[in-house]
């Protein structure tokens, strides 16, 4: 199990119980190291003092906020701990919201909420209350140098906590705002049919990071001195005839669906034969 990200209490009315947070997910990527092109030796990061024109050690570094040009206010870790709000140790439930009330665009990071060994009963009581009422909890939590608004929801037999972005952190200016266009009824029906043909239960295990797989293959091939497999890039022309494009897409989706069903049927027959 990963290291504890946060440890403290959940305050729910007059009920308070201890919990721990663990990271629920972490993006996986290929780790590259920075090397000196000349001899392929590892390159080290060096902290450098611009004023004295020389490298310095980490122990010589302090935190500083630039109050004005060239003028800094130095703040140390002990001072930051002294001014930490109560939410640094206790999550207080502020309100409850219906499932789906919070737009996923606000979700930042996810954590598993684990009960302390002595708090199994209040933990389960709180989780079951959320599950059976179909509500989710909104609370405040201070960690990683800031106070977060968080959402707590039941997940299987446990609970998951999501830190949320504040409204001013959403880049509304980047939101696409297409002009209103009148849509033909036939085009709309074809588009809906295409959606229905591609509809399926979400199964995360069926998706893979193709880019990472390609990078891993590239590394293997270069390590073995083999020829690199180049990935062909499809050429896509702008859609001119919307009706024709939708018809072709629907036909292709139907064909893929038929092939997928045939593969599943074959797999089922193979399992029955093996049994």
C-alpha atoms as a PDB file:
ATOM      1  CA  UNK A   1       0.000   0.000   0.000  1.00  0.00           C
ATOM      2  CA  UNK A   2       1.205   3.512  -0.817  1.00  0.00           C
ATOM      3  CA  UNK A   3       2.177   6.024   1.858  1.00  0.00           C
ATOM      4  CA  UNK A   4      -0.558   7.869   3.756  1.00  0.00           C
ATOM      5  CA  UNK A   5      -1.318  11.178   2.012  1.00  0.00           C
ATOM      6  CA  UNK A   6      -3.308  12.711   4.883  1.00  0.00           C
ATOM      7  CA  UNK A   7      -4.308  11.584   8.366  1.00  0.00           C
ATOM      8  CA  UNK A   8      -6.982  13.189  10.518  1.00  0.00           C
ATOM      9  CA  UNK A   9     -10.672  13.143  11.405  1.00  0.00           C
ATOM     10  CA  UNK A  10     -14.028  13.429   9.679  1.00  0.00           C
ATOM     11  CA  UNK A  11     -16.540  15.527  11.619  1.00  0.00           C
ATOM     12  CA  UNK A  12     -20.151  14.616  10.850  1.00  0.00           C
ATOM     13  CA  UNK A  13     -22.517  16.461  13.186  1.00  0.00           C
ATOM     14  CA  UNK A  14     -21.485  15.294  16.676  1.00  0.00           C
ATOM     15  CA  UNK A  15     -19.820  12.179  15.244  1.00  0.00           C
ATOM     16  CA  UNK A  16     -16.054  12.339  14.714  1.00  0.00           C
ATOM     17  CA  UNK A  17     -13.928   9.442  13.500  1.00  0.00           C
ATOM     18  CA  UNK A  18     -10.305   9.081  12.310  1.00  0.00           C
ATOM     19  CA  UNK A  19      -9.468   8.341   8.671  1.00  0.00           C
ATOM     20  CA  UNK A  20      -6.473   8.125   6.380  1.00  0.00           C
ATOM     21  CA  UNK A  21      -6.210   9.103   2.718  1.00  0.00           C
ATOM     22  CA  UNK A  22      -4.315   7.116   0.107  1.00  0.00           C
ATOM     23  CA  UNK A  23      -3.787   8.092  -3.538  1.00  0.00           C
ATOM     24  CA  UNK A  24      -6.454   6.370  -5.650  1.00  0.00           C
ATOM     25  CA  UNK A  25      -4.687   6.742  -8.986  1.00  0.00           C
ATOM     26  CA  UNK A  26      -1.449   7.881 -10.551  1.00  0.00           C
ATOM     27  CA  UNK A  27      -0.710   8.427 -14.229  1.00  0.00           C
ATOM     28  CA  UNK A  28       1.819   5.919 -15.567  1.00  0.00           C
ATOM     29  CA  UNK A  29       4.408   7.032 -18.093  1.00  0.00           C
ATOM     30  CA  UNK A  30       7.778   6.024 -19.453  1.00  0.00           C
ATOM     31  CA  UNK A  31      10.574   7.410 -17.285  1.00  0.00           C
ATOM     32  CA  UNK A  32      13.382   9.024 -19.262  1.00  0.00           C
ATOM     33  CA  UNK A  33      16.613  10.280 -17.668  1.00  0.00           C
ATOM     34  CA  UNK A  34      18.506  13.348 -18.795  1.00  0.00           C
ATOM     35  CA  UNK A  35      21.922  12.341 -20.198  1.00  0.00           C
ATOM     36  CA  UNK A  36      24.988  14.183 -21.446  1.00  0.00           C
ATOM     37  CA  UNK A  37      24.890  13.751 -25.223  1.00  0.00           C
ATOM     38  CA  UNK A  38      28.694  13.396 -25.388  1.00  0.00           C
ATOM     39  CA  UNK A  39      29.175  10.364 -23.088  1.00  0.00           C
ATOM     40  CA  UNK A  40      25.572   9.402 -22.049  1.00  0.00           C
ATOM     41  CA  UNK A  41      26.341  10.005 -18.360  1.00  0.00           C
ATOM     42  CA  UNK A  42      23.507  11.071 -16.027  1.00  0.00           C
ATOM     43  CA  UNK A  43      22.963  14.819 -15.657  1.00  0.00           C
ATOM     44  CA  UNK A  44      22.365  16.043 -12.104  1.00  0.00           C
ATOM     45  CA  UNK A  45      20.207  18.977 -11.063  1.00  0.00           C
ATOM     46  CA  UNK A  46      22.285  21.667  -9.368  1.00  0.00           C
ATOM     47  CA  UNK A  47      20.857  24.448  -7.157  1.00  0.00           C
ATOM     48  CA  UNK A  48      22.689  27.620  -8.090  1.00  0.00           C
ATOM     49  CA  UNK A  49      22.960  31.030  -6.400  1.00  0.00           C
ATOM     50  CA  UNK A  50      22.796  33.720  -9.059  1.00  0.00           C
ATOM     51  CA  UNK A  51      24.131  36.405  -6.696  1.00  0.00           C
ATOM     52  CA  UNK A  52      27.279  34.514  -5.591  1.00  0.00           C
ATOM     53  CA  UNK A  53      27.633  32.714  -8.917  1.00  0.00           C
ATOM     54  CA  UNK A  54      28.153  29.289  -7.316  1.00  0.00           C
ATOM     55  CA  UNK A  55      26.264  26.042  -6.512  1.00  0.00           C
ATOM     56  CA  UNK A  56      24.650  25.704  -3.075  1.00  0.00           C
ATOM     57  CA  UNK A  57      23.271  22.778  -1.023  1.00  0.00           C
ATOM     58  CA  UNK A  58      19.613  22.099  -0.300  1.00  0.00           C
ATOM     59  CA  UNK A  59      20.172  22.959   3.391  1.00  0.00           C
ATOM     60  CA  UNK A  60      21.036  26.528   2.311  1.00  0.00           C
ATOM     61  CA  UNK A  61      17.642  27.015   0.622  1.00  0.00           C
ATOM     62  CA  UNK A  62      14.618  28.702   2.224  1.00  0.00           C
ATOM     63  CA  UNK A  63      11.118  29.541   0.951  1.00  0.00           C
ATOM     64  CA  UNK A  64      10.575  33.126  -0.107  1.00  0.00           C
ATOM     65  CA  UNK A  65       7.608  35.085  -1.480  1.00  0.00           C
ATOM     66  CA  UNK A  66       8.389  38.049  -3.743  1.00  0.00           C
ATOM     67  CA  UNK A  67       6.460  40.906  -2.102  1.00  0.00           C
ATOM     68  CA  UNK A  68       7.858  43.463  -4.564  1.00  0.00           C
ATOM     69  CA  UNK A  69      10.539  43.445  -7.245  1.00  0.00           C
ATOM     70  CA  UNK A  70      13.649  41.883  -5.676  1.00  0.00           C
ATOM     71  CA  UNK A  71      12.173  41.975  -2.135  1.00  0.00           C
ATOM     72  CA  UNK A  72      11.298  38.631  -0.534  1.00  0.00           C
ATOM     73  CA  UNK A  73       9.441  37.544   2.604  1.00  0.00           C
ATOM     74  CA  UNK A  74      11.054  34.370   3.994  1.00  0.00           C
ATOM     75  CA  UNK A  75       8.661  31.777   5.459  1.00  0.00           C
ATOM     76  CA  UNK A  76       9.723  28.526   7.136  1.00  0.00           C
ATOM     77  CA  UNK A  77       7.829  25.239   7.581  1.00  0.00           C
ATOM     78  CA  UNK A  78       7.211  25.746  11.317  1.00  0.00           C
ATOM     79  CA  UNK A  79       5.517  29.080  10.632  1.00  0.00           C
ATOM     80  CA  UNK A  80       3.291  27.469   8.008  1.00  0.00           C
ATOM     81  CA  UNK A  81       2.277  24.760  10.493  1.00  0.00           C
ATOM     82  CA  UNK A  82       1.386  27.426  13.078  1.00  0.00           C
ATOM     83  CA  UNK A  83      -1.071  29.155  10.760  1.00  0.00           C
ATOM     84  CA  UNK A  84      -2.606  25.968   9.274  1.00  0.00           C
ATOM     85  CA  UNK A  85      -6.440  26.015   9.579  1.00  0.00           C
ATOM     86  CA  UNK A  86      -8.352  23.389  11.628  1.00  0.00           C
ATOM     87  CA  UNK A  87      -9.097  21.539   8.363  1.00  0.00           C
ATOM     88  CA  UNK A  88      -5.424  20.438   8.335  1.00  0.00           C
ATOM     89  CA  UNK A  89      -6.423  17.800  10.880  1.00  0.00           C
ATOM     90  CA  UNK A  90     -10.221  17.606  10.697  1.00  0.00           C
ATOM     91  CA  UNK A  91     -12.528  17.437   7.694  1.00  0.00           C
ATOM     92  CA  UNK A  92     -15.816  19.075   8.599  1.00  0.00           C
ATOM     93  CA  UNK A  93     -18.791  18.088   6.480  1.00  0.00           C
ATOM     94  CA  UNK A  94     -20.345  21.304   5.140  1.00  0.00           C
ATOM     95  CA  UNK A  95     -23.322  19.935   3.216  1.00  0.00           C
ATOM     96  CA  UNK A  96     -24.669  17.006   1.205  1.00  0.00           C
ATOM     97  CA  UNK A  97     -25.479  16.988  -2.513  1.00  0.00           C
ATOM     98  CA  UNK A  98     -27.337  14.548  -4.748  1.00  0.00           C
ATOM     99  CA  UNK A  99     -25.356  12.054  -6.839  1.00  0.00           C
ATOM    100  CA  UNK A 100     -24.327  13.768 -10.061  1.00  0.00           C
ATOM    101  CA  UNK A 101     -24.859  17.326  -8.784  1.00  0.00           C
ATOM    102  CA  UNK A 102     -21.144  18.156  -9.038  1.00  0.00           C
ATOM    103  CA  UNK A 103     -19.933  18.515 -12.622  1.00  0.00           C
ATOM    104  CA  UNK A 104     -16.849  16.271 -13.214  1.00  0.00           C
ATOM    105  CA  UNK A 105     -15.017  19.302 -14.627  1.00  0.00           C
ATOM    106  CA  UNK A 106     -14.413  20.298 -10.973  1.00  0.00           C
ATOM    107  CA  UNK A 107     -12.647  16.991 -10.114  1.00  0.00           C
ATOM    108  CA  UNK A 108      -8.917  17.407  -9.460  1.00  0.00           C
ATOM    109  CA  UNK A 109      -7.419  14.356  -7.658  1.00  0.00           C
ATOM    110  CA  UNK A 110      -8.882  11.164  -6.175  1.00  0.00           C
ATOM    111  CA  UNK A 111      -8.083   9.422  -2.880  1.00  0.00           C
ATOM    112  CA  UNK A 112      -9.273   6.309  -1.088  1.00  0.00           C
ATOM    113  CA  UNK A 113     -10.670   7.079   2.366  1.00  0.00           C
ATOM    114  CA  UNK A 114      -9.588   4.352   4.811  1.00  0.00           C
ATOM    115  CA  UNK A 115     -10.903   4.039   8.367  1.00  0.00           C
ATOM    116  CA  UNK A 116      -8.675   3.898  11.382  1.00  0.00           C
ATOM    117  CA  UNK A 117      -8.872   0.444  12.969  1.00  0.00           C
ATOM    118  CA  UNK A 118     -10.821   1.773  15.949  1.00  0.00           C
ATOM    119  CA  UNK A 119     -13.360   3.627  13.767  1.00  0.00           C
ATOM    120  CA  UNK A 120     -14.844   0.837  11.642  1.00  0.00           C
ATOM    121  CA  UNK A 121     -18.422   1.323  12.874  1.00  0.00           C
ATOM    122  CA  UNK A 122     -18.802   5.128  12.372  1.00  0.00           C
ATOM    123  CA  UNK A 123     -16.976   4.809   9.044  1.00  0.00           C
ATOM    124  CA  UNK A 124     -19.432   2.154   7.801  1.00  0.00           C
ATOM    125  CA  UNK A 125     -22.374   4.105   9.210  1.00  0.00           C
ATOM    126  CA  UNK A 126     -21.338   7.210   7.277  1.00  0.00           C
ATOM    127  CA  UNK A 127     -20.616   5.265   4.059  1.00  0.00           C
ATOM    128  CA  UNK A 128     -23.925   3.388   4.203  1.00  0.00           C
ATOM    129  CA  UNK A 129     -25.836   6.590   4.938  1.00  0.00           C
ATOM    130  CA  UNK A 130     -24.404   8.114   1.747  1.00  0.00           C
ATOM    131  CA  UNK A 131     -25.074   4.962  -0.260  1.00  0.00           C
ATOM    132  CA  UNK A 132     -28.667   4.485   0.841  1.00  0.00           C
ATOM    133  CA  UNK A 133     -29.681   8.150   0.597  1.00  0.00           C
ATOM    134  CA  UNK A 134     -27.847   8.598  -2.747  1.00  0.00           C
ATOM    135  CA  UNK A 135     -26.106  11.678  -1.405  1.00  0.00           C
ATOM    136  CA  UNK A 136     -22.462  12.763  -1.481  1.00  0.00           C
ATOM    137  CA  UNK A 137     -20.684  14.877   1.128  1.00  0.00           C
ATOM    138  CA  UNK A 138     -18.980  18.230   0.583  1.00  0.00           C
ATOM    139  CA  UNK A 139     -16.224  19.102   3.077  1.00  0.00           C
ATOM    140  CA  UNK A 140     -13.088  21.226   3.498  1.00  0.00           C
ATOM    141  CA  UNK A 141      -9.620  19.725   3.839  1.00  0.00           C
ATOM    142  CA  UNK A 142      -6.192  21.399   4.098  1.00  0.00           C
ATOM    143  CA  UNK A 143      -3.204  19.513   2.660  1.00  0.00           C
ATOM    144  CA  UNK A 144      -0.351  20.052   0.202  1.00  0.00           C
ATOM    145  CA  UNK A 145      -0.149  23.749   1.000  1.00  0.00           C
ATOM    146  CA  UNK A 146      -3.759  24.701   0.326  1.00  0.00           C
ATOM    147  CA  UNK A 147      -7.308  24.265   1.622  1.00  0.00           C
ATOM    148  CA  UNK A 148      -9.421  22.131  -0.695  1.00  0.00           C
ATOM    149  CA  UNK A 149     -13.136  21.760  -1.189  1.00  0.00           C
ATOM    150  CA  UNK A 150     -13.648  17.986  -1.396  1.00  0.00           C
ATOM    151  CA  UNK A 151     -16.404  15.586  -2.355  1.00  0.00           C
ATOM    152  CA  UNK A 152     -16.756  12.255  -0.518  1.00  0.00           C
ATOM    153  CA  UNK A 153     -18.790   9.471  -2.110  1.00  0.00           C
ATOM    154  CA  UNK A 154     -19.382   5.775  -1.428  1.00  0.00           C
ATOM    155  CA  UNK A 155     -17.389   3.401  -3.625  1.00  0.00           C
ATOM    156  CA  UNK A 156     -17.983  -0.367  -3.380  1.00  0.00           C
ATOM    157  CA  UNK A 157     -17.597  -1.072   0.365  1.00  0.00           C
ATOM    158  CA  UNK A 158     -15.432   1.987   0.983  1.00  0.00           C
ATOM    159  CA  UNK A 159     -15.401   5.716   0.251  1.00  0.00           C
ATOM    160  CA  UNK A 160     -13.523   7.853  -2.255  1.00  0.00           C
ATOM    161  CA  UNK A 161     -12.599  11.511  -1.826  1.00  0.00           C
ATOM    162  CA  UNK A 162     -12.130  13.918  -4.738  1.00  0.00           C
ATOM    163  CA  UNK A 163     -10.457  17.299  -4.322  1.00  0.00           C
ATOM    164  CA  UNK A 164     -12.302  19.917  -6.364  1.00  0.00           C
ATOM    165  CA  UNK A 165     -11.101  22.923  -8.301  1.00  0.00           C
ATOM    166  CA  UNK A 166     -12.395  26.296  -7.156  1.00  0.00           C
ATOM    167  CA  UNK A 167     -14.549  28.142  -9.746  1.00  0.00           C
ATOM    168  CA  UNK A 168     -11.800  30.723 -10.386  1.00  0.00           C
ATOM    169  CA  UNK A 169      -9.429  27.876 -11.318  1.00  0.00           C
ATOM    170  CA  UNK A 170     -11.591  26.777 -14.250  1.00  0.00           C
ATOM    171  CA  UNK A 171     -10.402  28.390 -17.467  1.00  0.00           C
ATOM    172  CA  UNK A 172     -13.789  29.557 -18.697  1.00  0.00           C
ATOM    173  CA  UNK A 173     -12.165  31.659 -21.400  1.00  0.00           C
ATOM    174  CA  UNK A 174     -10.971  28.457 -23.095  1.00  0.00           C
ATOM    175  CA  UNK A 175     -14.485  27.039 -23.311  1.00  0.00           C
ATOM    176  CA  UNK A 176     -15.635  26.474 -26.890  1.00  0.00           C
ATOM    177  CA  UNK A 177     -18.748  28.422 -27.832  1.00  0.00           C
ATOM    178  CA  UNK A 178     -19.923  27.259 -31.277  1.00  0.00           C
ATOM    179  CA  UNK A 179     -22.499  29.340 -33.102  1.00  0.00           C
ATOM    180  CA  UNK A 180     -26.070  28.073 -33.015  1.00  0.00           C
ATOM    181  CA  UNK A 181     -26.808  26.041 -36.148  1.00  0.00           C
ATOM    182  CA  UNK A 182     -30.098  24.631 -37.389  1.00  0.00           C
ATOM    183  CA  UNK A 183     -29.820  20.845 -37.591  1.00  0.00           C
ATOM    184  CA  UNK A 184     -31.685  18.769 -40.165  1.00  0.00           C
ATOM    185  CA  UNK A 185     -34.005  16.122 -38.677  1.00  0.00           C
ATOM    186  CA  UNK A 186     -32.531  13.318 -40.844  1.00  0.00           C
ATOM    187  CA  UNK A 187     -28.977  14.214 -39.809  1.00  0.00           C
ATOM    188  CA  UNK A 188     -30.037  14.227 -36.159  1.00  0.00           C
ATOM    189  CA  UNK A 189     -31.646  10.777 -36.482  1.00  0.00           C
ATOM    190  CA  UNK A 190     -28.533   9.333 -38.144  1.00  0.00           C
ATOM    191  CA  UNK A 191     -26.290  10.867 -35.489  1.00  0.00           C
ATOM    192  CA  UNK A 192     -28.461   9.353 -32.722  1.00  0.00           C
ATOM    193  CA  UNK A 193     -28.401   5.964 -34.464  1.00  0.00           C
ATOM    194  CA  UNK A 194     -24.594   6.123 -34.616  1.00  0.00           C
ATOM    195  CA  UNK A 195     -24.462   6.874 -30.877  1.00  0.00           C
ATOM    196  CA  UNK A 196     -26.763   3.937 -30.115  1.00  0.00           C
ATOM    197  CA  UNK A 197     -24.695   1.552 -32.282  1.00  0.00           C
ATOM    198  CA  UNK A 198     -21.520   2.501 -30.400  1.00  0.00           C
ATOM    199  CA  UNK A 199     -23.170   2.410 -26.952  1.00  0.00           C
ATOM    200  CA  UNK A 200     -21.722  -0.211 -24.575  1.00  0.00           C
ATOM    201  CA  UNK A 201     -21.008  -0.677 -20.855  1.00  0.00           C
ATOM    202  CA  UNK A 202     -17.814   1.080 -19.763  1.00  0.00           C
ATOM    203  CA  UNK A 203     -15.071  -1.500 -19.153  1.00  0.00           C
ATOM    204  CA  UNK A 204     -11.807   0.304 -18.246  1.00  0.00           C
ATOM    205  CA  UNK A 205      -9.738  -2.870 -18.723  1.00  0.00           C
ATOM    206  CA  UNK A 206     -10.438  -2.825 -22.476  1.00  0.00           C
ATOM    207  CA  UNK A 207      -8.566   0.461 -22.966  1.00  0.00           C
ATOM    208  CA  UNK A 208      -4.789   0.757 -23.277  1.00  0.00           C
ATOM    209  CA  UNK A 209      -2.261   3.557 -23.581  1.00  0.00           C
ATOM    210  CA  UNK A 210      -1.197   3.028 -27.189  1.00  0.00           C
ATOM    211  CA  UNK A 211       1.400   5.787 -27.018  1.00  0.00           C
ATOM    212  CA  UNK A 212       3.123   4.151 -24.046  1.00  0.00           C
ATOM    213  CA  UNK A 213       3.036   0.746 -25.775  1.00  0.00           C
ATOM    214  CA  UNK A 214       4.627   2.302 -28.863  1.00  0.00           C
ATOM    215  CA  UNK A 215       7.370   3.947 -26.772  1.00  0.00           C
ATOM    216  CA  UNK A 216       8.097   0.624 -25.025  1.00  0.00           C
ATOM    217  CA  UNK A 217       8.325  -1.100 -28.425  1.00  0.00           C
ATOM    218  CA  UNK A 218      10.628   1.667 -29.697  1.00  0.00           C
ATOM    219  CA  UNK A 219      12.942   1.169 -26.699  1.00  0.00           C
ATOM    220  CA  UNK A 220      13.004  -2.634 -27.171  1.00  0.00           C
ATOM    221  CA  UNK A 221      13.764  -2.315 -30.875  1.00  0.00           C
ATOM    222  CA  UNK A 222      16.545   0.221 -30.364  1.00  0.00           C
ATOM    223  CA  UNK A 223      18.036  -1.859 -27.537  1.00  0.00           C
ATOM    224  CA  UNK A 224      18.138  -4.905 -29.814  1.00  0.00           C
ATOM    225  CA  UNK A 225      19.404  -2.914 -32.806  1.00  0.00           C
ATOM    226  CA  UNK A 226      16.242  -3.663 -34.784  1.00  0.00           C
ATOM    227  CA  UNK A 227      14.494  -1.459 -37.317  1.00  0.00           C
ATOM    228  CA  UNK A 228      12.012   0.954 -35.742  1.00  0.00           C
ATOM    229  CA  UNK A 229       8.334   0.273 -36.496  1.00  0.00           C
ATOM    230  CA  UNK A 230       6.924   3.549 -37.801  1.00  0.00           C
ATOM    231  CA  UNK A 231       3.232   4.179 -37.103  1.00  0.00           C
ATOM    232  CA  UNK A 232       1.266   5.345 -40.121  1.00  0.00           C
ATOM    233  CA  UNK A 233      -0.694   8.535 -39.543  1.00  0.00           C
ATOM    234  CA  UNK A 234      -4.233   8.461 -41.012  1.00  0.00           C
ATOM    235  CA  UNK A 235      -5.188  11.304 -43.310  1.00  0.00           C
ATOM    236  CA  UNK A 236      -8.535  12.854 -42.468  1.00  0.00           C
ATOM    237  CA  UNK A 237     -10.227  15.264 -44.809  1.00  0.00           C
ATOM    238  CA  UNK A 238     -12.790  17.806 -43.551  1.00  0.00           C
ATOM    239  CA  UNK A 239     -16.403  16.596 -43.611  1.00  0.00           C
ATOM    240  CA  UNK A 240     -18.185  18.070 -46.624  1.00  0.00           C
ATOM    241  CA  UNK A 241     -21.377  16.008 -46.944  1.00  0.00           C
ATOM    242  CA  UNK A 242     -22.691  15.472 -43.392  1.00  0.00           C
ATOM    243  CA  UNK A 243     -25.409  12.991 -44.426  1.00  0.00           C
ATOM    244  CA  UNK A 244     -22.990  10.807 -46.397  1.00  0.00           C
ATOM    245  CA  UNK A 245     -20.399  10.910 -43.593  1.00  0.00           C
ATOM    246  CA  UNK A 246     -23.013   9.823 -41.030  1.00  0.00           C
ATOM    247  CA  UNK A 247     -24.241   6.994 -43.281  1.00  0.00           C
ATOM    248  CA  UNK A 248     -20.704   5.683 -43.785  1.00  0.00           C
ATOM    249  CA  UNK A 249     -19.964   5.950 -40.062  1.00  0.00           C
ATOM    250  CA  UNK A 250     -23.159   4.030 -39.230  1.00  0.00           C
ATOM    251  CA  UNK A 251     -22.320   1.308 -41.759  1.00  0.00           C
ATOM    252  CA  UNK A 252     -18.791   0.974 -40.354  1.00  0.00           C
ATOM    253  CA  UNK A 253     -20.154   0.802 -36.780  1.00  0.00           C
ATOM    254  CA  UNK A 254     -22.620  -1.917 -37.775  1.00  0.00           C
ATOM    255  CA  UNK A 255     -19.827  -3.943 -39.396  1.00  0.00           C
ATOM    256  CA  UNK A 256     -17.596  -3.606 -36.322  1.00  0.00           C
ATOM    257  CA  UNK A 257     -20.504  -4.635 -34.111  1.00  0.00           C
ATOM    258  CA  UNK A 258     -21.175  -7.742 -36.196  1.00  0.00           C
ATOM    259  CA  UNK A 259     -17.493  -8.738 -36.110  1.00  0.00           C
ATOM    260  CA  UNK A 260     -17.328  -8.160 -32.360  1.00  0.00           C
ATOM    261  CA  UNK A 261     -20.437 -10.312 -31.791  1.00  0.00           C
ATOM    262  CA  UNK A 262     -18.990 -13.067 -33.958  1.00  0.00           C
ATOM    263  CA  UNK A 263     -15.760 -13.058 -31.952  1.00  0.00           C
ATOM    264  CA  UNK A 264     -17.687 -13.222 -28.671  1.00  0.00           C
ATOM    265  CA  UNK A 265     -19.856 -16.093 -29.940  1.00  0.00           C
ATOM    266  CA  UNK A 266     -16.742 -17.979 -31.066  1.00  0.00           C
ATOM    267  CA  UNK A 267     -15.127 -17.436 -27.673  1.00  0.00           C
ATOM    268  CA  UNK A 268     -18.235 -18.712 -25.877  1.00  0.00           C
ATOM    269  CA  UNK A 269     -18.380 -21.845 -28.066  1.00  0.00           C
ATOM    270  CA  UNK A 270     -14.675 -22.471 -27.403  1.00  0.00           C
ATOM    271  CA  UNK A 271     -15.255 -22.236 -23.641  1.00  0.00           C
ATOM    272  CA  UNK A 272     -18.196 -24.670 -23.810  1.00  0.00           C
ATOM    273  CA  UNK A 273     -16.138 -27.096 -25.905  1.00  0.00           C
ATOM    274  CA  UNK A 274     -13.215 -26.893 -23.461  1.00  0.00           C
ATOM    275  CA  UNK A 275     -15.579 -27.534 -20.558  1.00  0.00           C
END
